[in-house]
């Protein structure tokens, strides 16, 4: 029998981990972006990177931080990661990743970690490599400046609360969330249409690598919905992303959000896979 094992990866394992992540650059954009910035040191990474070995070779990964994220993990690797997760106990606020691996991981963990606050079993992963041919980009969508944090934060909080079901200000008063928003603004990856000091549309490029990036936090102020701001705004953000960040732009969306899925298709996105999220 082939011997298998799991262990926490160390900084010296960086090249091997990046090789695994590089197998699926769009699917793995979130974890890859973190590893490229922070390496594998748990303190800098904000969590551990678990590696699954078969026959002495690194085959799969699992990021264990604020999220638990299986990476290129088949059933045997997922079972090994679930065993380790049960032993360490739940430290994450969500499990998220490719739908098939995440579904098995949750099946194995639910008896000890459940119940979840919410399970979203099918979230289409969508991607595009070119600007929209159908929707003109909104010329008023622009990068948010560092001195505009007070303006963008309420929109970010509203988006997060709508999407996740709880406020990001709970617990630590929003310090970690505010730091993340500030990081995106400071790196030039926060975009919005602003009218008379009010955010009408906003979105961020949350994960960014040389091969793919991922848009997140898409939001339109309630009183402006139904006017096409999400489509023209997304077309503008896609142009920024393709020009300045990566050759492939991706996002994932709840399957029940049919309006958003239709809007993204009109902007040029197509489905390339599926994610699943388990929220605690």
Foldseek 3Di string as FASTA:
>chain_A
DWDKDKDWDDLVCQVLVVVQLVVDCQQSLAQNQLCVVQNQDCVSSQFTKMFMDTNNHTQWIWTQHLETETGNDDPVRLVNVLVVCLVVDDPHQKYKGFLVSSVSNCVSCCVPRDDFPDKQRWWFKKKDQDFFPQAAADPQKAQDALVCLVLCVVLLQVLCCVVQVDGCCPDVRNPVVSVLVSVQSVVRFKIARDDPSHTAWIKGFRGFDAAETEIDSTDGPVVNPPPCCSLNNVSNSVVCCCVPTHSMYIYIGRPVPVVVVVSVVNRPMDGDGTMIMTGD
